[in-house]
Amino acid sequence: MEQLAFTALLNRLFGRQVLALLQALHIHVKRAATPISNSFAMELLVALLLTIFFIVLRFRLSVERPGGLQQTMEGILGFVDNMADEVIGHHSSKYVPYLITLGMFILSCNLIGLVPGLISPTAVAIVPLGCALLTWFYYHYQGLRTNGPFGYLKHFIGPQDKEMPVLLRLTLPILMFPIEIVSHLARVMSLTIRLWANMFAGELVTLVFFSLIPFAIPVVFDGLHIFVSVIQTYIFLLLACVYLGEATGQEH
């Protein structure tokens, strides 16, 4: 893929330092002249824009006269908080900051491709994979933190009801443990493919129609891109809540 203007700027300013760092880590670089990829450049741009956005929002907070920006963010916060409370439970408030940050990042990455000269980094598989891995490690960490190592291990061996036959109680953990391990590993692939495939397809369709018909009709596909972006962000957050609820639940 051709370098974007922002990517070219980053490579011109920081390309040598990034290349030296990657070589020091023994990471092979296909193009030594341009070690910074478009997807990473877009991620960095999204992170910078979100940082600026939240700084501006912080200085514009007001109890007496909340502006439209503050009310919008309060609505988003309330929506995520309610979803987390319904899915995770009464102890969900501690996870809302992570969910908000994750959701804003994914949504911004999805939508930034609508800007001419930019692309959606979530249309490149490595970016959804990073979000999926981060969420995977996060919910396991919270599960261990909430239940302790032995308490969390019970999630992987199935129910242990005293009324169950002794033979079943002995064999069930042996059967359930490998199944649970595979299931949890598959969640990384599921989160990654779902987000990447939908955004890649949406990006591809939009680019094709813009190249064929520059005006009018592609606007419809922009609307579809926005719809898919919002839906995929919601699904990713919903699944993250489900996994957090399972990991931090204490009743089995």
Protein backbone atom coordinates (compact mmCIF):
# COMPACT_ATOMS: atom_id res chain seq x y z
CA MET A 1 0.00 0.00 0.00
CA GLU A 2 1.19 3.49 -0.83
CA GLN A 3 2.43 5.60 2.06
CA LEU A 4 -0.01 8.12 3.45
CA ALA A 5 1.16 11.71 3.86
CA PHE A 6 1.10 11.44 7.67
CA THR A 7 3.03 8.17 7.54
CA ALA A 8 5.64 9.74 5.26
CA LEU A 9 6.01 12.63 7.72
CA LEU A 10 6.56 10.26 10.64
CA ASN A 11 9.10 8.23 8.67
CA ARG A 12 10.94 11.39 7.73
CA LEU A 13 11.05 12.60 11.34
CA PHE A 14 11.45 9.36 13.30
CA GLY A 15 12.20 6.64 10.75
CA ARG A 16 15.85 6.21 11.69
CA GLN A 17 15.15 5.95 15.40
CA VAL A 18 12.33 3.46 14.86
CA LEU A 19 14.49 1.37 12.53
CA ALA A 20 17.32 1.30 15.07
CA LEU A 21 14.93 0.24 17.82
CA LEU A 22 13.42 -2.56 15.72
CA GLN A 23 16.86 -3.82 14.71
CA ALA A 24 17.97 -3.77 18.36
CA LEU A 25 14.94 -5.95 19.15
CA HIS A 26 15.88 -8.27 16.25
CA ILE A 27 12.64 -7.50 14.42
CA HIS A 28 12.92 -7.86 10.68
CA VAL A 29 11.86 -4.76 8.72
CA LYS A 30 10.77 -5.29 5.13
CA ARG A 31 11.31 -1.67 4.10
CA ALA A 32 14.19 -0.11 5.99
CA ALA A 33 13.53 3.31 4.44
CA THR A 34 9.95 3.35 5.78
CA PRO A 35 9.80 1.33 9.02
CA ILE A 36 6.62 3.05 10.23
CA SER A 37 3.54 1.50 8.63
CA ASN A 38 0.29 3.23 7.69
CA SER A 39 -1.65 1.32 10.33
CA PHE A 40 0.72 2.33 13.13
CA ALA A 41 0.71 5.94 11.92
CA MET A 42 -3.09 5.98 11.99
CA GLU A 43 -3.13 4.46 15.49
CA LEU A 44 -0.73 7.14 16.67
CA LEU A 45 -2.82 9.86 15.03
CA VAL A 46 -5.98 8.54 16.71
CA ALA A 47 -4.22 8.43 20.10
CA LEU A 48 -3.01 12.03 19.66
CA LEU A 49 -6.44 13.28 18.58
CA LEU A 50 -8.16 11.51 21.49
CA THR A 51 -5.62 12.96 23.94
CA ILE A 52 -6.28 16.46 22.63
CA PHE A 53 -10.02 15.82 22.67
CA PHE A 54 -10.07 14.75 26.32
CA ILE A 55 -7.80 17.63 27.38
CA VAL A 56 -10.17 20.10 25.72
CA LEU A 57 -13.15 18.34 27.29
CA ARG A 58 -11.52 18.46 30.72
CA PHE A 59 -11.09 22.24 30.58
CA ARG A 60 -14.63 22.75 29.34
CA LEU A 61 -16.34 20.72 32.06
CA SER A 62 -19.08 22.66 33.82
CA VAL A 63 -21.76 21.71 36.31
CA GLU A 64 -23.97 24.76 35.76
CA ARG A 65 -23.64 25.07 31.97
CA PRO A 66 -22.58 21.78 30.37
CA GLY A 67 -21.90 22.17 26.66
CA GLY A 68 -22.94 19.87 23.85
CA LEU A 69 -19.59 18.08 23.88
CA GLN A 70 -19.85 17.36 27.60
CA GLN A 71 -23.43 16.15 27.29
CA THR A 72 -22.47 13.84 24.42
CA MET A 73 -19.66 12.28 26.43
CA GLU A 74 -21.90 11.97 29.48
CA GLY A 75 -24.38 10.11 27.29
CA ILE A 76 -21.66 7.75 26.03
CA LEU A 77 -20.41 7.22 29.57
CA GLY A 78 -23.93 6.48 30.79
CA PHE A 79 -24.53 4.03 27.96
CA VAL A 80 -21.30 2.09 28.61
CA ASP A 81 -21.86 2.20 32.38
CA ASN A 82 -25.40 0.78 32.02
CA MET A 83 -24.21 -1.93 29.63
CA ALA A 84 -21.40 -2.92 31.99
CA ASP A 85 -23.75 -2.97 34.98
CA GLU A 86 -26.25 -5.21 33.17
CA VAL A 87 -23.64 -7.64 31.81
CA ILE A 88 -20.89 -7.65 34.45
CA GLY A 89 -22.87 -6.86 37.59
CA HIS A 90 -22.86 -4.40 40.45
CA HIS A 91 -19.05 -4.34 40.62
CA SER A 92 -18.69 -3.13 37.02
CA SER A 93 -17.88 0.54 37.70
CA LYS A 94 -14.15 -0.18 38.15
CA TYR A 95 -13.95 -1.52 34.58
CA VAL A 96 -15.78 1.35 32.88
CA PRO A 97 -12.65 3.54 32.37
CA TYR A 98 -11.00 0.71 30.42
CA LEU A 99 -14.15 0.05 28.41
CA ILE A 100 -14.61 3.75 27.57
CA THR A 101 -10.98 4.08 26.49
CA LEU A 102 -11.15 0.91 24.40
CA GLY A 103 -14.46 1.90 22.82
CA MET A 104 -13.36 5.44 21.94
CA PHE A 105 -10.13 4.13 20.43
CA ILE A 106 -11.82 1.46 18.30
CA LEU A 107 -14.60 3.79 17.17
CA SER A 108 -12.13 6.52 16.22
CA CYS A 109 -9.95 4.01 14.35
CA ASN A 110 -13.03 2.80 12.50
CA LEU A 111 -14.24 6.27 11.53
CA ILE A 112 -10.95 7.96 10.66
CA GLY A 113 -10.94 6.17 7.32
CA LEU A 114 -13.77 8.47 6.19
CA VAL A 115 -11.31 11.38 6.13
CA PRO A 116 -9.74 11.75 2.66
CA GLY A 117 -6.09 10.74 2.69
CA LEU A 118 -6.46 8.52 5.79
CA ILE A 119 -7.36 4.87 6.36
CA SER A 120 -9.04 2.91 9.12
CA PRO A 121 -6.26 1.07 11.00
CA THR A 122 -8.79 -1.50 12.19
CA ALA A 123 -8.98 -2.64 8.54
CA VAL A 124 -5.46 -4.02 9.07
CA ALA A 125 -5.50 -7.28 11.05
CA ILE A 126 -2.66 -6.39 13.44
CA VAL A 127 -4.65 -3.54 15.02
CA PRO A 128 -7.77 -5.56 15.98
CA LEU A 129 -5.39 -8.28 17.16
CA GLY A 130 -3.72 -5.80 19.51
CA CYS A 131 -7.09 -4.70 20.91
CA ALA A 132 -8.16 -8.34 21.32
CA LEU A 133 -4.94 -9.35 23.10
CA LEU A 134 -5.12 -6.35 25.40
CA THR A 135 -8.71 -7.20 26.34
CA TRP A 136 -7.81 -10.88 26.77
CA PHE A 137 -4.98 -10.12 29.21
CA TYR A 138 -7.08 -7.48 30.96
CA TYR A 139 -10.02 -9.72 31.81
CA HIS A 140 -7.73 -12.56 32.93
CA TYR A 141 -5.84 -10.12 35.15
CA GLN A 142 -9.07 -8.83 36.66
CA GLY A 143 -10.29 -12.41 37.18
CA LEU A 144 -7.11 -13.33 39.05
CA ARG A 145 -7.24 -10.11 41.01
CA THR A 146 -10.86 -10.63 42.04
CA ASN A 147 -10.90 -14.37 42.81
CA GLY A 148 -7.25 -15.21 43.44
CA PRO A 149 -5.35 -17.92 41.52
CA PHE A 150 -7.23 -20.89 43.00
CA GLY A 151 -10.62 -19.21 42.88
CA TYR A 152 -10.10 -18.22 39.25
CA LEU A 153 -8.97 -21.74 38.38
CA LYS A 154 -12.46 -22.95 39.28
CA HIS A 155 -13.71 -21.14 36.16
CA PHE A 156 -11.80 -23.68 34.07
CA ILE A 157 -12.91 -26.94 35.66
CA GLY A 158 -16.68 -26.69 35.49
CA PRO A 159 -19.29 -26.76 38.28
CA GLN A 160 -18.49 -28.74 41.42
CA ASP A 161 -21.86 -29.66 42.89
CA LYS A 162 -21.71 -31.95 45.93
CA GLU A 163 -24.84 -33.71 44.71
CA MET A 164 -23.09 -34.82 41.51
CA PRO A 165 -21.87 -38.44 41.30
CA VAL A 166 -18.30 -38.85 42.55
CA LEU A 167 -17.08 -40.20 39.22
CA LEU A 168 -18.50 -37.21 37.36
CA ARG A 169 -16.98 -34.78 39.85
CA LEU A 170 -13.56 -36.37 39.28
CA THR A 171 -13.69 -36.61 35.49
CA LEU A 172 -15.46 -33.32 34.71
CA PRO A 173 -12.43 -31.09 35.55
CA ILE A 174 -10.18 -33.26 33.36
CA LEU A 175 -12.58 -32.84 30.43
CA MET A 176 -13.46 -29.21 31.00
CA PHE A 177 -9.98 -27.76 31.55
CA PRO A 178 -8.59 -28.26 28.00
CA ILE A 179 -11.93 -27.21 26.51
CA GLU A 180 -11.90 -23.98 28.52
CA ILE A 181 -8.28 -23.25 27.54
CA VAL A 182 -9.08 -23.64 23.84
CA SER A 183 -12.25 -21.58 24.28
CA HIS A 184 -10.38 -18.69 25.87
CA LEU A 185 -7.65 -18.76 23.22
CA ALA A 186 -10.30 -18.77 20.50
CA ARG A 187 -11.72 -15.54 21.91
CA VAL A 188 -8.65 -13.65 20.68
CA MET A 189 -9.22 -14.94 17.15
CA SER A 190 -12.95 -14.27 17.35
CA LEU A 191 -12.55 -10.65 18.49
CA THR A 192 -9.83 -10.02 15.91
CA ILE A 193 -11.54 -11.53 12.86
CA ARG A 194 -14.94 -10.04 13.60
CA LEU A 195 -13.63 -6.47 13.80
CA TRP A 196 -11.01 -6.76 11.08
CA ALA A 197 -13.19 -8.53 8.50
CA ASN A 198 -16.07 -6.07 8.81
CA MET A 199 -13.86 -2.98 8.68
CA PHE A 200 -11.74 -4.35 5.84
CA ALA A 201 -14.83 -5.13 3.79
CA GLY A 202 -16.35 -1.71 4.50
CA GLU A 203 -13.13 0.09 3.62
CA LEU A 204 -12.76 -1.90 0.40
CA VAL A 205 -16.34 -1.29 -0.75
CA THR A 206 -16.07 2.43 -0.06
CA LEU A 207 -12.77 2.74 -1.96
CA VAL A 208 -14.13 0.80 -4.95
CA PHE A 209 -17.24 2.94 -5.30
CA PHE A 210 -15.30 6.17 -4.80
CA SER A 211 -12.95 5.16 -7.61
CA LEU A 212 -15.86 4.33 -9.93
CA ILE A 213 -18.31 7.08 -9.00
CA PRO A 214 -16.65 10.02 -7.15
CA PHE A 215 -19.88 11.75 -6.13
CA ALA A 216 -23.35 11.13 -4.70
CA ILE A 217 -23.63 7.32 -4.52
CA PRO A 218 -20.46 6.78 -2.39
CA VAL A 219 -22.06 8.96 0.31
CA VAL A 220 -24.50 6.08 0.92
CA PHE A 221 -21.55 3.79 1.56
CA ASP A 222 -20.06 6.36 3.92
CA GLY A 223 -23.27 6.09 5.91
CA LEU A 224 -22.95 2.32 5.86
CA HIS A 225 -19.31 2.64 6.99
CA ILE A 226 -20.42 4.76 9.96
CA PHE A 227 -23.15 2.26 10.85
CA VAL A 228 -20.74 -0.70 10.68
CA SER A 229 -18.14 1.22 12.70
CA VAL A 230 -20.58 1.90 15.53
CA ILE A 231 -22.02 -1.63 15.52
CA GLN A 232 -18.59 -3.28 15.55
CA THR A 233 -17.46 -1.06 18.41
CA TYR A 234 -20.59 -1.97 20.37
CA ILE A 235 -20.10 -5.71 19.75
CA PHE A 236 -16.45 -5.56 20.80
CA LEU A 237 -17.36 -3.77 24.04
CA LEU A 238 -20.29 -6.10 24.70
CA LEU A 239 -18.06 -9.16 24.36
CA ALA A 240 -15.43 -7.52 26.58
CA CYS A 241 -18.15 -7.03 29.22
CA VAL A 242 -19.24 -10.67 28.88
CA TYR A 243 -15.67 -11.90 29.36
CA LEU A 244 -15.13 -9.58 32.32
CA GLY A 245 -18.37 -10.75 33.89
CA GLU A 246 -17.36 -14.40 33.54
CA ALA A 247 -13.84 -13.77 34.85
CA THR A 248 -14.81 -11.67 37.87
CA GLY A 249 -17.98 -13.54 38.84
CA GLN A 250 -17.76 -15.25 42.22
CA GLU A 251 -20.83 -17.48 42.09
CA HIS A 252 -20.39 -20.82 40.30
